[in-house]
Amino acid sequence: MRVGILGSGSGGNALVLEADGTTVLFDCGLSYRQLAIRMAESGFAPGRVEAVFLSHEHDDHVQGLEVFCRRHKAPVLATAGTAAGMASPPRLAEVLRAGRAVRLGALEVLPLPISHDAREPVGWVVSDGARRVGIATDTGIVTATLREGLVGCHALLLECNHDRDLLRVGPYPWPLKQRILSRTGHLSNDQAREALESLMHDGLELVVGMHLSETNNRPEMVRAELGPVFAGTGVSVAIAHQEVPLVLAVGPPPRRGQLRLFGEEAPRSRGVAAVRRRPAARVELRDRNPRCD
């Protein structure tokens, strides 16, 4: 399974994931030009994207969607609340519901409810049948439901938005600071550490700090917070960037915890069946009956 984090932060978010010939895009918060450039640099092609999954309707996650879909006709999948909250709602190929898995080619995508000030936001667990990748950004807290959904993931891409002290003494106005610190705001470094401590298991290979604030955080702060959790475990820790793509592979490594770059050969995985693969398609859904907090 190959993962390309094309941009992560308040300036724009987009993540592309590929397994066994199936390529999907999670969020489209970059301009089409930037998206195409960064995908090309990372070895992906926009024309191969078979679906776009939206986490929520905020501009830094959807501002490039209209142009992307006009050029590539990729089907869009989002919750009803996300679509309703958009200024120009796309025609959804399927309305997502937290806890109901979607299968597309070699991938199964499970939306998970997150706690953010959007209409109906979700995070993701993506599986190719062999490996599970958990993606959770833009969440003020890690709820019991979210934590339960992320259990057993081999890679965790988790928000590390801010250092609490840096935010409190920083230049943001107090109402914005309150929003960020709230239960529907953004996850701090120490909150991410606490969540990761509870999600640690022998199969965990990779952790990525996501959606860092350029004003209220530093990569070295994230590493200092998370490093002790994984010291001596072999788990690789990486930091996503707003401007520079981060490209990784998640799969059975030669040694536990190895982080591989995009150019290396990715393992083949068992295919599954079907959301809207061109030229025709159907959506297969599976209820997981998540608990509500």
Protein backbone atom coordinates (compact mmCIF):
# COMPACT_ATOMS: atom_id res chain seq x y z
CA MET A 1 0.00 0.00 0.00
CA ARG A 2 1.48 3.35 -1.06
CA VAL A 3 0.56 6.62 0.62
CA GLY A 4 1.35 10.10 -0.68
CA ILE A 5 0.62 12.98 1.72
CA LEU A 6 0.56 15.80 -0.82
CA GLY A 7 -0.11 18.58 1.69
CA SER A 8 -1.17 18.64 5.33
CA GLY A 9 -2.12 21.77 7.26
CA SER A 10 -4.40 24.78 7.23
CA GLY A 11 -3.10 25.79 3.80
CA GLY A 12 -4.57 22.72 2.09
CA ASN A 13 -4.93 18.97 2.55
CA ALA A 14 -4.78 16.07 0.11
CA LEU A 15 -3.67 12.48 0.44
CA VAL A 16 -3.45 9.86 -2.29
CA LEU A 17 -3.40 6.14 -1.53
CA GLU A 18 -2.74 3.26 -3.93
CA ALA A 19 -2.89 -0.51 -3.55
CA ASP A 20 -2.87 -3.23 -6.18
CA GLY A 21 -3.80 -0.85 -9.01
CA THR A 22 -6.53 1.05 -7.14
CA THR A 23 -5.83 4.77 -6.54
CA VAL A 24 -8.03 7.04 -4.41
CA LEU A 25 -7.75 10.62 -3.18
CA PHE A 26 -8.67 11.69 0.35
CA ASP A 27 -9.61 15.37 0.36
CA CYS A 28 -8.82 17.86 -2.37
CA GLY A 29 -7.77 21.03 -0.60
CA LEU A 30 -4.98 22.02 -2.99
CA SER A 31 -5.30 23.85 -6.29
CA TYR A 32 -5.39 21.54 -9.28
CA ARG A 33 -2.01 22.84 -10.42
CA GLN A 34 -0.37 22.08 -7.09
CA LEU A 35 -2.11 18.74 -6.80
CA ALA A 36 -0.93 17.66 -10.27
CA ILE A 37 2.64 18.84 -9.63
CA ARG A 38 2.89 17.09 -6.29
CA MET A 39 1.32 13.88 -7.57
CA ALA A 40 3.76 13.81 -10.50
CA GLU A 41 6.70 14.40 -8.14
CA SER A 42 5.49 11.49 -6.03
CA GLY A 43 4.88 9.03 -8.85
CA PHE A 44 1.08 9.25 -8.94
CA ALA A 45 -1.14 10.38 -11.83
CA PRO A 46 -4.33 12.44 -11.32
CA GLY A 47 -6.01 10.58 -14.17
CA ARG A 48 -5.70 7.29 -12.31
CA VAL A 49 -7.71 8.49 -9.31
CA GLU A 50 -10.85 6.36 -9.20
CA ALA A 51 -12.69 8.22 -6.42
CA VAL A 52 -12.37 11.22 -4.12
CA PHE A 53 -13.31 10.78 -0.45
CA LEU A 54 -14.05 13.95 1.53
CA SER A 55 -13.54 14.18 5.29
CA HIS A 56 -15.50 17.44 5.73
CA GLU A 57 -16.46 20.64 3.95
CA HIS A 58 -13.87 23.17 5.18
CA ASP A 59 -12.04 24.97 2.37
CA ASP A 60 -8.62 23.55 3.18
CA HIS A 61 -10.05 20.11 2.37
CA VAL A 62 -12.27 20.81 -0.66
CA GLN A 63 -11.15 23.99 -2.44
CA GLY A 64 -9.61 22.13 -5.38
CA LEU A 65 -12.42 19.60 -5.82
CA GLU A 66 -14.49 21.32 -8.51
CA VAL A 67 -11.61 21.72 -10.95
CA PHE A 68 -10.27 18.23 -10.25
CA CYS A 69 -13.62 16.59 -10.93
CA ARG A 70 -14.20 18.68 -14.04
CA ARG A 71 -10.91 17.45 -15.48
CA HIS A 72 -11.09 13.83 -14.41
CA LYS A 73 -14.76 13.00 -13.74
CA ALA A 74 -13.83 11.12 -10.58
CA PRO A 75 -16.80 10.10 -8.41
CA VAL A 76 -17.05 11.88 -5.05
CA LEU A 77 -17.97 10.15 -1.80
CA ALA A 78 -18.86 12.13 1.34
CA THR A 79 -21.34 12.22 4.17
CA ALA A 80 -24.65 13.98 3.65
CA GLY A 81 -23.61 16.66 6.14
CA THR A 82 -20.36 17.35 4.33
CA ALA A 83 -22.13 17.77 0.99
CA ALA A 84 -24.79 20.01 2.55
CA GLY A 85 -22.13 22.25 4.07
CA MET A 86 -20.37 22.95 0.77
CA ALA A 87 -21.01 26.14 -1.19
CA SER A 88 -21.20 24.11 -4.41
CA PRO A 89 -22.16 20.58 -3.35
CA PRO A 90 -20.89 17.89 -5.72
CA ARG A 91 -23.11 15.14 -7.03
CA LEU A 92 -22.16 12.26 -4.77
CA ALA A 93 -21.49 8.81 -6.17
CA GLU A 94 -22.43 7.53 -2.73
CA VAL A 95 -23.50 9.14 0.53
CA LEU A 96 -21.14 7.91 3.23
CA ARG A 97 -22.17 7.04 6.75
CA ALA A 98 -19.76 6.59 9.64
CA GLY A 99 -19.32 2.90 10.39
CA ARG A 100 -20.37 1.72 6.93
CA ALA A 101 -17.43 0.45 4.86
CA VAL A 102 -17.06 1.11 1.14
CA ARG A 103 -15.17 -1.20 -1.19
CA LEU A 104 -13.37 0.14 -4.22
CA GLY A 105 -11.13 -2.21 -6.17
CA ALA A 106 -8.39 -3.46 -3.85
CA LEU A 107 -9.36 -1.10 -1.03
CA GLU A 108 -11.92 -1.06 1.74
CA VAL A 109 -12.56 2.38 3.23
CA LEU A 110 -14.28 2.68 6.61
CA PRO A 111 -15.41 6.22 7.62
CA LEU A 112 -15.08 6.96 11.33
CA PRO A 113 -16.81 9.84 13.17
CA ILE A 114 -14.49 12.57 14.40
CA SER A 115 -15.08 15.57 16.68
CA HIS A 116 -14.73 18.76 14.63
CA ASP A 117 -16.81 21.88 14.01
CA ALA A 118 -18.08 20.71 10.64
CA ARG A 119 -21.46 19.28 9.59
CA GLU A 120 -20.64 15.55 9.61
CA PRO A 121 -16.86 15.03 9.58
CA VAL A 122 -15.13 11.67 9.34
CA GLY A 123 -11.70 10.08 9.52
CA TRP A 124 -10.76 6.84 7.80
CA VAL A 125 -9.42 3.35 8.14
CA VAL A 126 -8.24 2.05 4.77
CA SER A 127 -7.38 -1.60 4.22
CA ASP A 128 -6.03 -3.57 1.27
CA GLY A 129 -6.76 -6.87 3.00
CA ALA A 130 -3.25 -7.14 4.40
CA ARG A 131 -2.57 -3.76 5.98
CA ARG A 132 -4.72 -1.11 7.70
CA VAL A 133 -3.98 2.62 7.61
CA GLY A 134 -5.80 4.94 10.04
CA ILE A 135 -6.22 8.62 9.09
CA ALA A 136 -7.60 11.10 11.63
CA THR A 137 -7.08 14.86 11.41
CA ASP A 138 -9.23 17.87 12.31
CA THR A 139 -10.54 16.40 15.53
CA GLY A 140 -10.64 18.14 18.88
CA ILE A 141 -10.53 14.89 20.85
CA VAL A 142 -9.99 11.20 20.22
CA THR A 143 -13.36 9.76 21.19
CA ALA A 144 -13.84 6.19 22.35
CA THR A 145 -15.47 5.44 18.99
CA LEU A 146 -12.54 6.82 17.01
CA ARG A 147 -10.02 5.05 19.21
CA GLU A 148 -11.89 1.77 18.80
CA GLY A 149 -11.88 2.17 15.02
CA LEU A 150 -8.13 2.80 14.91
CA VAL A 151 -7.21 -0.27 16.96
CA GLY A 152 -4.95 -2.67 15.08
CA CYS A 153 -3.80 -0.26 12.35
CA HIS A 154 -0.33 -0.84 10.91
CA ALA A 155 0.08 2.86 10.13
CA LEU A 156 -1.51 5.79 11.99
CA LEU A 157 -1.71 9.24 10.42
CA LEU A 158 -2.85 11.32 13.37
CA GLU A 159 -3.28 15.05 13.83
CA CYS A 160 -0.62 16.84 15.88
CA ASN A 161 -1.92 20.35 15.30
CA HIS A 162 -0.46 22.43 18.10
CA ASP A 163 1.59 22.67 21.23
CA ARG A 164 -0.79 23.94 23.92
CA ASP A 165 1.69 26.38 25.48
CA LEU A 166 2.78 27.77 22.13
CA LEU A 167 -0.85 28.30 21.16
CA ARG A 168 -1.74 30.02 24.44
CA VAL A 169 1.09 32.60 24.21
CA GLY A 170 0.89 32.92 20.42
CA PRO A 171 -0.62 35.67 18.24
CA TYR A 172 -4.06 34.15 17.58
CA PRO A 173 -7.08 36.03 18.98
CA TRP A 174 -8.59 34.42 22.07
CA PRO A 175 -11.83 33.22 20.34
CA LEU A 176 -9.74 31.33 17.77
CA LYS A 177 -7.57 29.84 20.51
CA GLN A 178 -10.72 28.67 22.30
CA ARG A 179 -12.01 27.06 19.11
CA ILE A 180 -8.75 25.19 18.51
CA LEU A 181 -8.58 23.98 22.11
CA SER A 182 -12.22 22.89 22.20
CA ARG A 183 -13.60 19.37 21.85
CA THR A 184 -14.49 20.20 18.24
CA GLY A 185 -11.23 21.94 17.37
CA HIS A 186 -7.83 20.40 16.71
CA LEU A 187 -5.71 17.78 18.43
CA SER A 188 -2.67 18.91 20.43
CA ASN A 189 0.67 17.11 20.54
CA ASP A 190 0.03 15.72 24.02
CA GLN A 191 -3.46 14.52 23.07
CA ALA A 192 -1.95 12.71 20.08
CA ARG A 193 0.68 11.11 22.31
CA GLU A 194 -1.96 9.88 24.76
CA ALA A 195 -3.99 8.38 21.92
CA LEU A 196 -0.96 6.69 20.40
CA GLU A 197 0.05 5.21 23.75
CA SER A 198 -3.31 3.46 23.88
CA LEU A 199 -3.07 2.34 20.22
CA MET A 200 0.42 0.87 20.42
CA HIS A 201 0.61 -2.81 19.42
CA ASP A 202 3.14 -5.23 17.99
CA GLY A 203 1.91 -4.76 14.41
CA LEU A 204 2.24 -0.97 14.35
CA GLU A 205 4.93 0.04 11.83
CA LEU A 206 4.51 3.74 11.14
CA VAL A 207 3.17 6.92 12.77
CA VAL A 208 2.84 10.24 10.93
CA GLY A 209 2.18 13.56 12.65
CA MET A 210 -0.42 15.40 10.53
CA HIS A 211 -1.90 18.89 10.11
CA LEU A 212 0.79 20.78 12.06
CA SER A 213 0.07 24.46 12.63
CA GLU A 214 2.79 26.63 11.12
CA THR A 215 2.25 29.19 13.91
CA ASN A 216 1.59 27.00 16.95
CA ASN A 217 3.76 23.94 16.43
CA ARG A 218 7.18 22.74 15.32
CA PRO A 219 8.24 19.34 13.91
CA GLU A 220 10.82 19.01 16.67
CA MET A 221 8.08 19.50 19.28
CA VAL A 222 6.07 16.67 17.75
CA ARG A 223 9.10 14.38 17.70
CA ALA A 224 9.93 15.25 21.31
CA GLU A 225 6.36 14.43 22.36
CA LEU A 226 5.97 11.20 20.38
CA GLY A 227 9.54 9.92 20.43
CA PRO A 228 9.50 8.43 23.95
CA VAL A 229 6.37 6.43 23.14
CA PHE A 230 8.14 4.51 20.39
CA ALA A 231 11.71 4.44 21.69
CA GLY A 232 13.14 0.98 21.15
CA THR A 233 10.02 -0.34 19.40
CA GLY A 234 11.11 -0.10 15.75
CA VAL A 235 8.08 2.06 14.88
CA SER A 236 9.00 4.79 12.38
CA VAL A 237 7.83 8.34 13.12
CA ALA A 238 7.45 10.88 10.30
CA ILE A 239 6.05 14.40 10.07
CA ALA A 240 3.79 15.54 7.23
CA HIS A 241 4.47 18.96 5.67
CA GLN A 242 2.29 21.66 4.18
CA GLU A 243 4.45 22.25 1.10
CA VAL A 244 6.59 19.14 0.58
CA PRO A 245 4.94 15.78 -0.25
CA LEU A 246 5.71 12.86 2.03
CA VAL A 247 5.52 9.51 0.25
CA LEU A 248 5.56 6.24 2.14
CA ALA A 249 4.84 2.57 1.72
CA VAL A 250 3.01 0.41 4.22
CA GLY A 251 3.41 -3.31 3.84
CA PRO A 252 5.12 -6.42 5.16
CA PRO A 253 8.66 -5.03 5.65
CA PRO A 254 11.92 -7.02 5.73
CA ARG A 255 12.25 -5.89 9.35
CA ARG A 256 9.63 -4.58 11.74
CA GLY A 257 9.02 -0.85 11.61
CA GLN A 258 10.84 -0.18 8.34
CA LEU A 259 9.64 2.96 6.54
CA ARG A 260 10.05 2.71 2.77
CA LEU A 261 9.99 5.37 0.10
CA PHE A 262 7.51 5.42 -2.76
CA GLY A 263 9.90 4.10 -5.39
CA GLU A 264 10.35 0.74 -3.71
CA GLU A 265 8.24 -2.18 -4.80
CA ALA A 266 4.96 -2.40 -2.91
CA PRO A 267 3.45 -5.76 -1.98
CA ARG A 268 0.57 -7.05 -4.04
CA SER A 269 -2.62 -7.55 -2.10
CA ARG A 270 -5.76 -9.55 -2.53
CA GLY A 271 -8.36 -7.64 -4.58
CA VAL A 272 -11.88 -6.96 -3.33
CA ALA A 273 -14.90 -5.68 -5.20
CA ALA A 274 -16.53 -2.54 -6.05
CA VAL A 275 -17.30 1.29 -5.88
CA ARG A 276 -17.52 3.02 -9.21
CA ARG A 277 -14.43 2.05 -11.14
CA ARG A 278 -14.47 3.52 -14.61
CA PRO A 279 -16.39 3.12 -16.86
CA ALA A 280 -19.15 1.68 -14.68
CA ALA A 281 -19.53 0.65 -11.10
CA ARG A 282 -21.55 -0.04 -8.05
CA VAL A 283 -21.01 0.72 -4.40
CA GLU A 284 -20.83 -2.05 -1.84
CA LEU A 285 -21.49 -1.00 1.74
CA ARG A 286 -21.07 -2.82 5.02
CA ASP A 287 -22.41 -1.69 8.37
CA ARG A 288 -20.02 -1.79 11.31
CA ASN A 289 -22.51 -0.43 13.90
CA PRO A 290 -20.18 2.05 15.64
CA ARG A 291 -20.94 3.26 19.14
CA CYS A 292 -21.83 6.91 19.58
CA ASP A 293 -20.15 9.01 22.27
